[in-house]
Amino acid sequence: MWKTADIGTVADTFHNWLNQTYDYENVTGLCKSASLADIKKHKFVMTPGRYVGIQDEEDDYIPFEEKIENLTGKPGDRCN
């Protein structure tokens, strides 16, 4: 479920883009004003991920192996 602040961010971003204000900026994972050349380069496929991308995740500095062990448990724990 979207928070009221998130809805406001999306609405404000859209209105800034629509009105071509200086407050609009592309935000990775949220919005991008793609040029016609960009769209043509992608053969007019309008999948948002091709243009918007995804936000960088914050690194929690937990090694991958430790995460997997925590998620799956130790070998044999599921056999009991």
C-alpha atoms as a PDB file:
ATOM      1  CA  MET A   1       0.000   0.000   0.000  1.00  0.00           C
ATOM      2  CA  TRP A   2       1.322   3.404  -0.895  1.00  0.00           C
ATOM      3  CA  LYS A   3       1.918   6.003   1.786  1.00  0.00           C
ATOM      4  CA  THR A   4       0.350   9.427   1.365  1.00  0.00           C
ATOM      5  CA  ALA A   5       3.819  10.970   1.050  1.00  0.00           C
ATOM      6  CA  ASP A   6       4.695   8.521  -1.772  1.00  0.00           C
ATOM      7  CA  ILE A   7       1.537   9.413  -3.668  1.00  0.00           C
ATOM      8  CA  GLY A   8       2.392  13.094  -3.233  1.00  0.00           C
ATOM      9  CA  THR A   9       5.909  12.502  -4.574  1.00  0.00           C
ATOM     10  CA  VAL A  10       4.586  10.768  -7.695  1.00  0.00           C
ATOM     11  CA  ALA A  11       1.921  13.436  -8.254  1.00  0.00           C
ATOM     12  CA  ASP A  12       4.383  16.303  -7.765  1.00  0.00           C
ATOM     13  CA  THR A  13       6.916  14.660 -10.082  1.00  0.00           C
ATOM     14  CA  PHE A  14       4.281  14.175 -12.792  1.00  0.00           C
ATOM     15  CA  HIS A  15       3.034  17.749 -12.520  1.00  0.00           C
ATOM     16  CA  ASN A  16       6.574  19.143 -12.602  1.00  0.00           C
ATOM     17  CA  TRP A  17       7.273  17.095 -15.744  1.00  0.00           C
ATOM     18  CA  LEU A  18       3.941  18.010 -17.364  1.00  0.00           C
ATOM     19  CA  ASN A  19       4.401  21.719 -16.693  1.00  0.00           C
ATOM     20  CA  GLN A  20       8.091  21.548 -17.651  1.00  0.00           C
ATOM     21  CA  THR A  21       9.216  23.236 -14.445  1.00  0.00           C
ATOM     22  CA  TYR A  22      12.800  23.404 -13.320  1.00  0.00           C
ATOM     23  CA  ASP A  23      11.847  21.241 -10.330  1.00  0.00           C
ATOM     24  CA  TYR A  24      11.640  18.099 -12.520  1.00  0.00           C
ATOM     25  CA  GLU A  25      14.593  15.733 -12.584  1.00  0.00           C
ATOM     26  CA  ASN A  26      14.994  12.098 -13.596  1.00  0.00           C
ATOM     27  CA  VAL A  27      15.085   9.824 -10.543  1.00  0.00           C
ATOM     28  CA  THR A  28      16.482   6.304 -10.956  1.00  0.00           C
ATOM     29  CA  GLY A  29      13.790   3.787 -10.078  1.00  0.00           C
ATOM     30  CA  LEU A  30      11.003   6.388 -10.202  1.00  0.00           C
ATOM     31  CA  CYS A  31      10.923   8.456 -13.383  1.00  0.00           C
ATOM     32  CA  LYS A  32      12.742   9.451 -16.547  1.00  0.00           C
ATOM     33  CA  SER A  33      11.771  11.789 -19.315  1.00  0.00           C
ATOM     34  CA  ALA A  34      12.989   9.700 -22.250  1.00  0.00           C
ATOM     35  CA  SER A  35      13.779  11.379 -25.539  1.00  0.00           C
ATOM     36  CA  LEU A  36      12.288  10.139 -28.783  1.00  0.00           C
ATOM     37  CA  ALA A  37      15.798   8.990 -29.748  1.00  0.00           C
ATOM     38  CA  ASP A  38      15.971   6.812 -26.596  1.00  0.00           C
ATOM     39  CA  ILE A  39      12.567   5.313 -27.345  1.00  0.00           C
ATOM     40  CA  LYS A  40      13.499   4.673 -30.978  1.00  0.00           C
ATOM     41  CA  LYS A  41      16.768   3.015 -29.854  1.00  0.00           C
ATOM     42  CA  HIS A  42      14.644   0.525 -27.878  1.00  0.00           C
ATOM     43  CA  LYS A  43      12.434  -0.089 -30.940  1.00  0.00           C
ATOM     44  CA  PHE A  44       9.542   1.756 -29.314  1.00  0.00           C
ATOM     45  CA  VAL A  45       9.207  -0.793 -26.493  1.00  0.00           C
ATOM     46  CA  MET A  46       7.725   1.135 -23.580  1.00  0.00           C
ATOM     47  CA  THR A  47       8.736  -1.147 -20.709  1.00  0.00           C
ATOM     48  CA  PRO A  48       9.536   1.281 -17.873  1.00  0.00           C
ATOM     49  CA  GLY A  49      12.610  -0.628 -16.686  1.00  0.00           C
ATOM     50  CA  ARG A  50      14.380   0.099 -19.963  1.00  0.00           C
ATOM     51  CA  TYR A  51      14.313   3.782 -19.163  1.00  0.00           C
ATOM     52  CA  VAL A  52      13.798   4.273 -15.429  1.00  0.00           C
ATOM     53  CA  GLY A  53      16.142   1.589 -14.088  1.00  0.00           C
ATOM     54  CA  ILE A  54      16.227   0.506 -10.456  1.00  0.00           C
ATOM     55  CA  GLN A  55      17.420   2.239  -7.330  1.00  0.00           C
ATOM     56  CA  ASP A  56      20.744   1.220  -5.878  1.00  0.00           C
ATOM     57  CA  GLU A  57      20.308  -0.963  -2.817  1.00  0.00           C
ATOM     58  CA  GLU A  58      22.086  -0.045   0.359  1.00  0.00           C
ATOM     59  CA  ASP A  59      24.748  -2.585   1.252  1.00  0.00           C
ATOM     60  CA  ASP A  60      24.122  -4.190   4.641  1.00  0.00           C
ATOM     61  CA  TYR A  61      27.682  -5.596   4.664  1.00  0.00           C
ATOM     62  CA  ILE A  62      26.435  -9.103   5.518  1.00  0.00           C
ATOM     63  CA  PRO A  63      28.291 -11.666   3.379  1.00  0.00           C
ATOM     64  CA  PHE A  64      26.090 -13.531   0.887  1.00  0.00           C
ATOM     65  CA  GLU A  65      26.922 -16.932   2.399  1.00  0.00           C
ATOM     66  CA  GLU A  66      25.802 -15.745   5.844  1.00  0.00           C
ATOM     67  CA  LYS A  67      22.520 -14.455   4.432  1.00  0.00           C
ATOM     68  CA  ILE A  68      21.828 -17.794   2.741  1.00  0.00           C
ATOM     69  CA  GLU A  69      22.654 -19.725   5.915  1.00  0.00           C
ATOM     70  CA  ASN A  70      20.320 -17.513   7.932  1.00  0.00           C
ATOM     71  CA  LEU A  71      17.543 -17.997   5.379  1.00  0.00           C
ATOM     72  CA  THR A  72      17.912 -21.744   4.934  1.00  0.00           C
ATOM     73  CA  GLY A  73      19.373 -22.875   8.276  1.00  0.00           C
ATOM     74  CA  LYS A  74      22.210 -25.308   8.661  1.00  0.00           C
ATOM     75  CA  PRO A  75      22.234 -28.478   6.570  1.00  0.00           C
ATOM     76  CA  GLY A  76      20.285 -31.129   8.410  1.00  0.00           C
ATOM     77  CA  ASP A  77      18.098 -28.696  10.387  1.00  0.00           C
ATOM     78  CA  ARG A  78      15.237 -29.418   8.002  1.00  0.00           C
ATOM     79  CA  CYS A  79      15.578 -33.190   8.451  1.00  0.00           C
ATOM     80  CA  ASN A  80      14.578 -33.177  12.121  1.00  0.00           C
END
